Amino acid sequence: MGGRVGAVGSVVVPDGEIAIDDPRAGDVRRLLERHLAFANLHSPPEDVHALDVEGLVDPAVTFFGYRVAGELLAVGALKRLDARHAELKSMHTAEEARGRGIGRAMVEHLLRVARERGYARASLETGSMAAFAPARALYARVGFVPCAPFGDYSPSRNSTCMTLELQAGDTPGVADAT
Protein backbone atom coordinates (compact mmCIF):
# COMPACT_ATOMS: atom_id res chain seq x y z
CA MET A 1 0.00 0.00 0.00
CA GLY A 2 1.49 3.32 -1.03
CA GLY A 3 1.36 6.60 0.76
CA ARG A 4 2.93 10.00 0.84
CA VAL A 5 4.97 11.56 3.57
CA GLY A 6 3.26 14.29 5.57
CA ALA A 7 4.87 17.47 6.90
CA VAL A 8 5.87 16.04 10.30
CA GLY A 9 7.05 12.61 9.24
CA SER A 10 3.64 11.00 9.25
CA VAL A 11 2.53 8.89 6.31
CA VAL A 12 -0.83 9.47 4.72
CA VAL A 13 -2.32 6.24 3.37
CA PRO A 14 -5.56 5.99 1.38
CA ASP A 15 -7.93 6.12 4.35
CA GLY A 16 -5.73 6.98 7.31
CA GLU A 17 -2.49 8.32 8.72
CA ILE A 18 0.50 6.81 10.49
CA ALA A 19 2.16 9.10 13.02
CA ILE A 20 4.06 8.99 16.29
CA ASP A 21 1.59 8.15 19.04
CA ASP A 22 1.50 7.89 22.84
CA PRO A 23 1.32 4.35 24.22
CA ARG A 24 -0.16 5.80 27.44
CA ALA A 25 -3.28 7.14 25.65
CA GLY A 26 -6.51 5.33 26.55
CA ASP A 27 -7.35 3.98 23.11
CA VAL A 28 -3.74 2.88 22.58
CA ARG A 29 -3.71 1.07 25.94
CA ARG A 30 -6.89 -0.77 24.96
CA LEU A 31 -5.40 -1.94 21.63
CA LEU A 32 -2.15 -2.93 23.36
CA GLU A 33 -4.18 -4.95 25.89
CA ARG A 34 -5.73 -6.83 22.95
CA HIS A 35 -2.24 -7.33 21.49
CA LEU A 36 -0.91 -8.74 24.78
CA ALA A 37 -4.00 -10.92 25.23
CA PHE A 38 -3.46 -12.39 21.73
CA ALA A 39 0.22 -13.05 22.49
CA ASN A 40 -0.60 -14.66 25.85
CA LEU A 41 -3.37 -16.80 24.33
CA HIS A 42 -1.12 -18.25 21.64
CA SER A 43 2.33 -18.36 23.31
CA PRO A 44 3.67 -19.85 26.52
CA PRO A 45 4.56 -17.16 29.09
CA GLU A 46 8.31 -17.56 28.61
CA ASP A 47 7.92 -16.78 24.90
CA VAL A 48 5.71 -13.69 25.10
CA HIS A 49 8.03 -10.87 24.04
CA ALA A 50 5.43 -8.16 23.39
CA LEU A 51 6.28 -4.89 25.10
CA ASP A 52 3.92 -3.40 27.66
CA VAL A 53 3.27 0.35 27.91
CA GLU A 54 6.36 0.91 30.07
CA GLY A 55 8.52 -0.86 27.51
CA LEU A 56 7.07 1.26 24.73
CA VAL A 57 7.91 4.58 26.42
CA ASP A 58 11.60 3.61 26.61
CA PRO A 59 13.75 6.27 24.85
CA ALA A 60 15.07 3.55 22.48
CA VAL A 61 11.52 2.99 21.16
CA THR A 62 9.54 5.13 18.72
CA PHE A 63 5.85 4.20 18.83
CA PHE A 64 3.39 4.79 15.96
CA GLY A 65 -0.36 4.59 15.56
CA TYR A 66 -2.49 4.23 12.42
CA ARG A 67 -5.66 6.28 12.66
CA VAL A 68 -8.66 6.90 10.44
CA ALA A 69 -10.68 9.97 11.41
CA GLY A 70 -9.09 9.76 14.87
CA GLU A 71 -9.92 6.07 15.39
CA LEU A 72 -6.89 3.91 16.25
CA LEU A 73 -6.75 0.82 14.02
CA ALA A 74 -3.13 -0.33 14.34
CA VAL A 75 0.11 0.20 16.23
CA GLY A 76 3.76 -0.57 15.64
CA ALA A 77 7.11 0.45 17.06
CA LEU A 78 10.75 0.71 16.09
CA LYS A 79 13.32 -0.12 18.77
CA ARG A 80 16.98 0.84 18.46
CA LEU A 81 19.19 -2.16 19.19
CA ASP A 82 22.44 -0.47 18.18
CA ALA A 83 23.63 2.15 15.71
CA ARG A 84 23.04 -0.15 12.70
CA HIS A 85 20.23 -2.47 13.85
CA ALA A 86 16.57 -1.82 14.75
CA GLU A 87 13.75 -4.12 15.78
CA LEU A 88 10.09 -3.95 14.79
CA LYS A 89 7.96 -4.31 17.94
CA SER A 90 4.31 -4.35 18.98
CA MET A 91 2.83 -4.71 15.50
CA HIS A 92 -0.91 -5.12 15.92
CA THR A 93 -3.92 -4.34 13.75
CA ALA A 94 -7.37 -4.28 15.34
CA GLU A 95 -9.25 -7.42 14.36
CA GLU A 96 -12.03 -5.46 12.68
CA ALA A 97 -9.50 -3.62 10.47
CA ARG A 98 -7.54 -6.64 9.22
CA GLY A 99 -7.36 -7.43 5.52
CA ARG A 100 -7.23 -3.76 4.44
CA GLY A 101 -3.45 -3.40 4.02
CA ILE A 102 -3.01 -1.50 7.28
CA GLY A 103 -0.44 -3.93 8.69
CA ARG A 104 1.62 -3.71 5.50
CA ALA A 105 1.40 0.09 5.57
CA MET A 106 2.70 0.06 9.15
CA VAL A 107 5.60 -2.29 8.32
CA GLU A 108 6.55 -0.17 5.31
CA HIS A 109 6.41 2.97 7.44
CA LEU A 110 8.65 1.45 10.12
CA LEU A 111 11.14 0.36 7.45
CA ARG A 112 11.15 3.84 5.92
CA VAL A 113 11.87 5.36 9.34
CA ALA A 114 14.62 2.77 9.94
CA ARG A 115 16.28 3.67 6.64
CA GLU A 116 16.00 7.40 7.36
CA ARG A 117 17.75 6.80 10.69
CA GLY A 118 20.60 4.99 8.97
CA TYR A 119 19.94 1.46 10.19
CA ALA A 120 21.47 -1.26 8.02
CA ARG A 121 19.20 -4.03 9.31
CA ALA A 122 15.74 -4.43 10.77
CA SER A 123 14.75 -7.59 12.62
CA LEU A 124 11.73 -8.92 14.46
CA GLU A 125 10.52 -11.81 16.57
CA THR A 126 7.07 -13.32 16.17
CA GLY A 127 5.39 -16.55 17.15
CA SER A 128 5.91 -19.85 15.34
CA MET A 129 2.37 -21.08 16.02
CA ALA A 130 -0.41 -21.12 13.41
CA ALA A 131 -2.04 -18.00 14.88
CA PHE A 132 1.05 -16.01 13.83
CA ALA A 133 1.15 -17.37 10.23
CA PRO A 134 -0.48 -14.24 8.74
CA ALA A 135 2.15 -12.04 10.42
CA ARG A 136 5.01 -14.23 9.18
CA ALA A 137 3.55 -14.15 5.67
CA LEU A 138 3.28 -10.35 5.75
CA TYR A 139 6.89 -9.98 6.88
CA ALA A 140 8.07 -12.40 4.17
CA ARG A 141 6.15 -10.44 1.50
CA VAL A 142 8.09 -7.27 2.35
CA GLY A 143 11.41 -9.11 2.26
CA PHE A 144 12.11 -10.41 5.77
CA VAL A 145 13.85 -13.80 5.93
CA PRO A 146 14.26 -16.18 8.87
CA CYS A 147 17.36 -15.62 10.99
CA ALA A 148 19.00 -16.79 14.18
CA PRO A 149 17.86 -15.22 17.45
CA PHE A 150 19.24 -11.70 17.89
CA GLY A 151 19.54 -9.26 20.77
CA ASP A 152 18.26 -10.81 23.99
CA TYR A 153 16.26 -13.59 22.29
CA SER A 154 17.13 -17.24 22.91
CA PRO A 155 16.38 -20.14 20.58
CA SER A 156 12.81 -21.38 21.05
CA ARG A 157 10.49 -23.57 18.99
CA ASN A 158 7.78 -20.99 19.78
CA SER A 159 9.61 -18.04 18.24
CA THR A 160 10.49 -17.12 14.68
CA CYS A 161 13.13 -14.44 14.21
CA MET A 162 13.31 -12.64 10.87
CA THR A 163 15.59 -9.97 9.45
CA LEU A 164 15.86 -7.62 6.50
CA GLU A 165 19.01 -5.93 5.21
CA LEU A 166 18.14 -2.30 4.54
CA GLN A 167 19.43 -0.21 1.68
CA ALA A 168 18.76 3.52 1.43
CA GLY A 169 16.05 4.40 -1.04
CA ASP A 170 14.54 0.95 -1.50
CA THR A 171 11.46 1.27 0.71
CA PRO A 172 8.89 -1.03 -0.91
CA GLY A 173 5.43 0.36 -1.53
CA VAL A 174 6.04 3.90 -0.33
CA ALA A 175 5.47 6.40 -3.12
CA ASP A 176 7.30 9.68 -3.49
CA ALA A 177 5.73 12.75 -1.91
CA THR A 178 3.60 14.67 -4.37
C-alpha atoms as a PDB file:
ATOM      1  CA  MET A   1       0.000   0.000   0.000  1.00  0.00           C
ATOM      2  CA  GLY A   2       1.487   3.324  -1.026  1.00  0.00           C
ATOM      3  CA  GLY A   3       1.358   6.604   0.756  1.00  0.00           C
ATOM      4  CA  ARG A   4       2.930   9.996   0.841  1.00  0.00           C
ATOM      5  CA  VAL A   5       4.969  11.563   3.573  1.00  0.00           C
ATOM      6  CA  GLY A   6       3.256  14.291   5.572  1.00  0.00           C
ATOM      7  CA  ALA A   7       4.869  17.466   6.904  1.00  0.00           C
ATOM      8  CA  VAL A   8       5.871  16.044  10.298  1.00  0.00           C
ATOM      9  CA  GLY A   9       7.052  12.605   9.236  1.00  0.00           C
ATOM     10  CA  SER A  10       3.644  11.002   9.251  1.00  0.00           C
ATOM     11  CA  VAL A  11       2.533   8.889   6.310  1.00  0.00           C
ATOM     12  CA  VAL A  12      -0.833   9.468   4.718  1.00  0.00           C
ATOM     13  CA  VAL A  13      -2.321   6.245   3.371  1.00  0.00           C
ATOM     14  CA  PRO A  14      -5.558   5.988   1.382  1.00  0.00           C
ATOM     15  CA  ASP A  15      -7.928   6.122   4.345  1.00  0.00           C
ATOM     16  CA  GLY A  16      -5.729   6.984   7.308  1.00  0.00           C
ATOM     17  CA  GLU A  17      -2.488   8.322   8.717  1.00  0.00           C
ATOM     18  CA  ILE A  18       0.496   6.810  10.494  1.00  0.00           C
ATOM     19  CA  ALA A  19       2.163   9.099  13.017  1.00  0.00           C
ATOM     20  CA  ILE A  20       4.065   8.994  16.294  1.00  0.00           C
ATOM     21  CA  ASP A  21       1.586   8.154  19.042  1.00  0.00           C
ATOM     22  CA  ASP A  22       1.504   7.895  22.840  1.00  0.00           C
ATOM     23  CA  PRO A  23       1.316   4.345  24.224  1.00  0.00           C
ATOM     24  CA  ARG A  24      -0.158   5.801  27.440  1.00  0.00           C
ATOM     25  CA  ALA A  25      -3.280   7.142  25.655  1.00  0.00           C
ATOM     26  CA  GLY A  26      -6.508   5.331  26.554  1.00  0.00           C
ATOM     27  CA  ASP A  27      -7.354   3.977  23.109  1.00  0.00           C
ATOM     28  CA  VAL A  28      -3.743   2.881  22.585  1.00  0.00           C
ATOM     29  CA  ARG A  29      -3.708   1.073  25.935  1.00  0.00           C
ATOM     30  CA  ARG A  30      -6.888  -0.770  24.957  1.00  0.00           C
ATOM     31  CA  LEU A  31      -5.398  -1.942  21.631  1.00  0.00           C
ATOM     32  CA  LEU A  32      -2.146  -2.928  23.364  1.00  0.00           C
ATOM     33  CA  GLU A  33      -4.181  -4.954  25.889  1.00  0.00           C
ATOM     34  CA  ARG A  34      -5.730  -6.831  22.954  1.00  0.00           C
ATOM     35  CA  HIS A  35      -2.236  -7.333  21.487  1.00  0.00           C
ATOM     36  CA  LEU A  36      -0.910  -8.743  24.775  1.00  0.00           C
ATOM     37  CA  ALA A  37      -4.004 -10.921  25.226  1.00  0.00           C
ATOM     38  CA  PHE A  38      -3.463 -12.387  21.727  1.00  0.00           C
ATOM     39  CA  ALA A  39       0.220 -13.054  22.491  1.00  0.00           C
ATOM     40  CA  ASN A  40      -0.601 -14.662  25.846  1.00  0.00           C
ATOM     41  CA  LEU A  41      -3.369 -16.800  24.330  1.00  0.00           C
ATOM     42  CA  HIS A  42      -1.116 -18.245  21.637  1.00  0.00           C
ATOM     43  CA  SER A  43       2.329 -18.356  23.311  1.00  0.00           C
ATOM     44  CA  PRO A  44       3.670 -19.851  26.522  1.00  0.00           C
ATOM     45  CA  PRO A  45       4.557 -17.164  29.094  1.00  0.00           C
ATOM     46  CA  GLU A  46       8.313 -17.557  28.613  1.00  0.00           C
ATOM     47  CA  ASP A  47       7.916 -16.781  24.898  1.00  0.00           C
ATOM     48  CA  VAL A  48       5.712 -13.686  25.102  1.00  0.00           C
ATOM     49  CA  HIS A  49       8.031 -10.874  24.039  1.00  0.00           C
ATOM     50  CA  ALA A  50       5.427  -8.163  23.395  1.00  0.00           C
ATOM     51  CA  LEU A  51       6.277  -4.888  25.101  1.00  0.00           C
ATOM     52  CA  ASP A  52       3.917  -3.397  27.657  1.00  0.00           C
ATOM     53  CA  VAL A  53       3.274   0.355  27.911  1.00  0.00           C
ATOM     54  CA  GLU A  54       6.359   0.906  30.068  1.00  0.00           C
ATOM     55  CA  GLY A  55       8.525  -0.865  27.507  1.00  0.00           C
ATOM     56  CA  LEU A  56       7.066   1.263  24.726  1.00  0.00           C
ATOM     57  CA  VAL A  57       7.912   4.581  26.419  1.00  0.00           C
ATOM     58  CA  ASP A  58      11.598   3.608  26.608  1.00  0.00           C
ATOM     59  CA  PRO A  59      13.752   6.266  24.854  1.00  0.00           C
ATOM     60  CA  ALA A  60      15.073   3.550  22.482  1.00  0.00           C
ATOM     61  CA  VAL A  61      11.524   2.992  21.157  1.00  0.00           C
ATOM     62  CA  THR A  62       9.538   5.130  18.718  1.00  0.00           C
ATOM     63  CA  PHE A  63       5.853   4.204  18.830  1.00  0.00           C
ATOM     64  CA  PHE A  64       3.391   4.794  15.963  1.00  0.00           C
ATOM     65  CA  GLY A  65      -0.364   4.589  15.558  1.00  0.00           C
ATOM     66  CA  TYR A  66      -2.489   4.226  12.423  1.00  0.00           C
ATOM     67  CA  ARG A  67      -5.659   6.285  12.657  1.00  0.00           C
ATOM     68  CA  VAL A  68      -8.661   6.895  10.441  1.00  0.00           C
ATOM     69  CA  ALA A  69     -10.676   9.973  11.411  1.00  0.00           C
ATOM     70  CA  GLY A  70      -9.088   9.759  14.873  1.00  0.00           C
ATOM     71  CA  GLU A  71      -9.916   6.068  15.392  1.00  0.00           C
ATOM     72  CA  LEU A  72      -6.890   3.914  16.247  1.00  0.00           C
ATOM     73  CA  LEU A  73      -6.750   0.824  14.016  1.00  0.00           C
ATOM     74  CA  ALA A  74      -3.128  -0.328  14.339  1.00  0.00           C
ATOM     75  CA  VAL A  75       0.109   0.195  16.228  1.00  0.00           C
ATOM     76  CA  GLY A  76       3.765  -0.574  15.638  1.00  0.00           C
ATOM     77  CA  ALA A  77       7.112   0.452  17.062  1.00  0.00           C
ATOM     78  CA  LEU A  78      10.747   0.705  16.092  1.00  0.00           C
ATOM     79  CA  LYS A  79      13.320  -0.115  18.771  1.00  0.00           C
ATOM     80  CA  ARG A  80      16.978   0.838  18.455  1.00  0.00           C
ATOM     81  CA  LEU A  81      19.187  -2.160  19.193  1.00  0.00           C
ATOM     82  CA  ASP A  82      22.436  -0.469  18.185  1.00  0.00           C
ATOM     83  CA  ALA A  83      23.631   2.154  15.710  1.00  0.00           C
ATOM     84  CA  ARG A  84      23.038  -0.146  12.696  1.00  0.00           C
ATOM     85  CA  HIS A  85      20.228  -2.465  13.854  1.00  0.00           C
ATOM     86  CA  ALA A  86      16.575  -1.821  14.751  1.00  0.00           C
ATOM     87  CA  GLU A  87      13.752  -4.122  15.778  1.00  0.00           C
ATOM     88  CA  LEU A  88      10.091  -3.947  14.787  1.00  0.00           C
ATOM     89  CA  LYS A  89       7.963  -4.307  17.936  1.00  0.00           C
ATOM     90  CA  SER A  90       4.312  -4.349  18.977  1.00  0.00           C
ATOM     91  CA  MET A  91       2.833  -4.709  15.498  1.00  0.00           C
ATOM     92  CA  HIS A  92      -0.908  -5.124  15.919  1.00  0.00           C
ATOM     93  CA  THR A  93      -3.919  -4.344  13.753  1.00  0.00           C
ATOM     94  CA  ALA A  94      -7.373  -4.276  15.336  1.00  0.00           C
ATOM     95  CA  GLU A  95      -9.246  -7.422  14.358  1.00  0.00           C
ATOM     96  CA  GLU A  96     -12.032  -5.455  12.680  1.00  0.00           C
ATOM     97  CA  ALA A  97      -9.496  -3.624  10.468  1.00  0.00           C
ATOM     98  CA  ARG A  98      -7.539  -6.638   9.218  1.00  0.00           C
ATOM     99  CA  GLY A  99      -7.356  -7.426   5.516  1.00  0.00           C
ATOM    100  CA  ARG A 100      -7.228  -3.761   4.436  1.00  0.00           C
ATOM    101  CA  GLY A 101      -3.451  -3.400   4.023  1.00  0.00           C
ATOM    102  CA  ILE A 102      -3.008  -1.503   7.284  1.00  0.00           C
ATOM    103  CA  GLY A 103      -0.443  -3.931   8.687  1.00  0.00           C
ATOM    104  CA  ARG A 104       1.619  -3.708   5.505  1.00  0.00           C
ATOM    105  CA  ALA A 105       1.399   0.086   5.570  1.00  0.00           C
ATOM    106  CA  MET A 106       2.703   0.063   9.146  1.00  0.00           C
ATOM    107  CA  VAL A 107       5.595  -2.294   8.317  1.00  0.00           C
ATOM    108  CA  GLU A 108       6.553  -0.168   5.312  1.00  0.00           C
ATOM    109  CA  HIS A 109       6.409   2.971   7.444  1.00  0.00           C
ATOM    110  CA  LEU A 110       8.647   1.447  10.121  1.00  0.00           C
ATOM    111  CA  LEU A 111      11.136   0.356   7.455  1.00  0.00           C
ATOM    112  CA  ARG A 112      11.150   3.838   5.920  1.00  0.00           C
ATOM    113  CA  VAL A 113      11.872   5.359   9.343  1.00  0.00           C
ATOM    114  CA  ALA A 114      14.618   2.769   9.941  1.00  0.00           C
ATOM    115  CA  ARG A 115      16.277   3.669   6.640  1.00  0.00           C
ATOM    116  CA  GLU A 116      15.997   7.401   7.364  1.00  0.00           C
ATOM    117  CA  ARG A 117      17.747   6.801  10.691  1.00  0.00           C
ATOM    118  CA  GLY A 118      20.598   4.991   8.973  1.00  0.00           C
ATOM    119  CA  TYR A 119      19.939   1.460  10.190  1.00  0.00           C
ATOM    120  CA  ALA A 120      21.469  -1.264   8.021  1.00  0.00           C
ATOM    121  CA  ARG A 121      19.204  -4.026   9.308  1.00  0.00           C
ATOM    122  CA  ALA A 122      15.743  -4.429  10.773  1.00  0.00           C
ATOM    123  CA  SER A 123      14.753  -7.590  12.625  1.00  0.00           C
ATOM    124  CA  LEU A 124      11.730  -8.922  14.462  1.00  0.00           C
ATOM    125  CA  GLU A 125      10.519 -11.809  16.565  1.00  0.00           C
ATOM    126  CA  THR A 126       7.072 -13.323  16.172  1.00  0.00           C
ATOM    127  CA  GLY A 127       5.385 -16.546  17.150  1.00  0.00           C
ATOM    128  CA  SER A 128       5.907 -19.847  15.336  1.00  0.00           C
ATOM    129  CA  MET A 129       2.374 -21.079  16.024  1.00  0.00           C
ATOM    130  CA  ALA A 130      -0.407 -21.123  13.411  1.00  0.00           C
ATOM    131  CA  ALA A 131      -2.038 -17.998  14.877  1.00  0.00           C
ATOM    132  CA  PHE A 132       1.050 -16.013  13.828  1.00  0.00           C
ATOM    133  CA  ALA A 133       1.154 -17.367  10.232  1.00  0.00           C
ATOM    134  CA  PRO A 134      -0.479 -14.242   8.745  1.00  0.00           C
ATOM    135  CA  ALA A 135       2.151 -12.036  10.423  1.00  0.00           C
ATOM    136  CA  ARG A 136       5.010 -14.226   9.185  1.00  0.00           C
ATOM    137  CA  ALA A 137       3.555 -14.150   5.668  1.00  0.00           C
ATOM    138  CA  LEU A 138       3.283 -10.354   5.749  1.00  0.00           C
ATOM    139  CA  TYR A 139       6.888  -9.980   6.878  1.00  0.00           C
ATOM    140  CA  ALA A 140       8.071 -12.402   4.171  1.00  0.00           C
ATOM    141  CA  ARG A 141       6.148 -10.438   1.501  1.00  0.00           C
ATOM    142  CA  VAL A 142       8.085  -7.268   2.353  1.00  0.00           C
ATOM    143  CA  GLY A 143      11.412  -9.115   2.260  1.00  0.00           C
ATOM    144  CA  PHE A 144      12.114 -10.405   5.768  1.00  0.00           C
ATOM    145  CA  VAL A 145      13.848 -13.797   5.935  1.00  0.00           C
ATOM    146  CA  PRO A 146      14.257 -16.179   8.870  1.00  0.00           C
ATOM    147  CA  CYS A 147      17.363 -15.621  10.988  1.00  0.00           C
ATOM    148  CA  ALA A 148      18.999 -16.792  14.181  1.00  0.00           C
ATOM    149  CA  PRO A 149      17.861 -15.221  17.452  1.00  0.00           C
ATOM    150  CA  PHE A 150      19.239 -11.703  17.888  1.00  0.00           C
ATOM    151  CA  GLY A 151      19.543  -9.264  20.768  1.00  0.00           C
ATOM    152  CA  ASP A 152      18.257 -10.815  23.989  1.00  0.00           C
ATOM    153  CA  TYR A 153      16.259 -13.590  22.287  1.00  0.00           C
ATOM    154  CA  SER A 154      17.132 -17.243  22.914  1.00  0.00           C
ATOM    155  CA  PRO A 155      16.384 -20.138  20.583  1.00  0.00           C
ATOM    156  CA  SER A 156      12.809 -21.382  21.047  1.00  0.00           C
ATOM    157  CA  ARG A 157      10.494 -23.574  18.994  1.00  0.00           C
ATOM    158  CA  ASN A 158       7.776 -20.993  19.779  1.00  0.00           C
ATOM    159  CA  SER A 159       9.610 -18.041  18.241  1.00  0.00           C
ATOM    160  CA  THR A 160      10.488 -17.117  14.683  1.00  0.00           C
ATOM    161  CA  CYS A 161      13.128 -14.443  14.214  1.00  0.00           C
ATOM    162  CA  MET A 162      13.313 -12.639  10.873  1.00  0.00           C
ATOM    163  CA  THR A 163      15.590  -9.970   9.453  1.00  0.00           C
ATOM    164  CA  LEU A 164      15.858  -7.619   6.498  1.00  0.00           C
ATOM    165  CA  GLU A 165      19.006  -5.929   5.214  1.00  0.00           C
ATOM    166  CA  LEU A 166      18.141  -2.299   4.543  1.00  0.00           C
ATOM    167  CA  GLN A 167      19.429  -0.207   1.682  1.00  0.00           C
ATOM    168  CA  ALA A 168      18.761   3.515   1.431  1.00  0.00           C
ATOM    169  CA  GLY A 169      16.053   4.404  -1.040  1.00  0.00           C
ATOM    170  CA  ASP A 170      14.536   0.952  -1.498  1.00  0.00           C
ATOM    171  CA  THR A 171      11.459   1.265   0.715  1.00  0.00           C
ATOM    172  CA  PRO A 172       8.886  -1.031  -0.909  1.00  0.00           C
ATOM    173  CA  GLY A 173       5.432   0.359  -1.531  1.00  0.00           C
ATOM    174  CA  VAL A 174       6.044   3.901  -0.327  1.00  0.00           C
ATOM    175  CA  ALA A 175       5.466   6.399  -3.119  1.00  0.00           C
ATOM    176  CA  ASP A 176       7.300   9.682  -3.488  1.00  0.00           C
ATOM    177  CA  ALA A 177       5.726  12.754  -1.911  1.00  0.00           C
ATOM    178  CA  THR A 178       3.600  14.666  -4.374  1.00  0.00           C
END
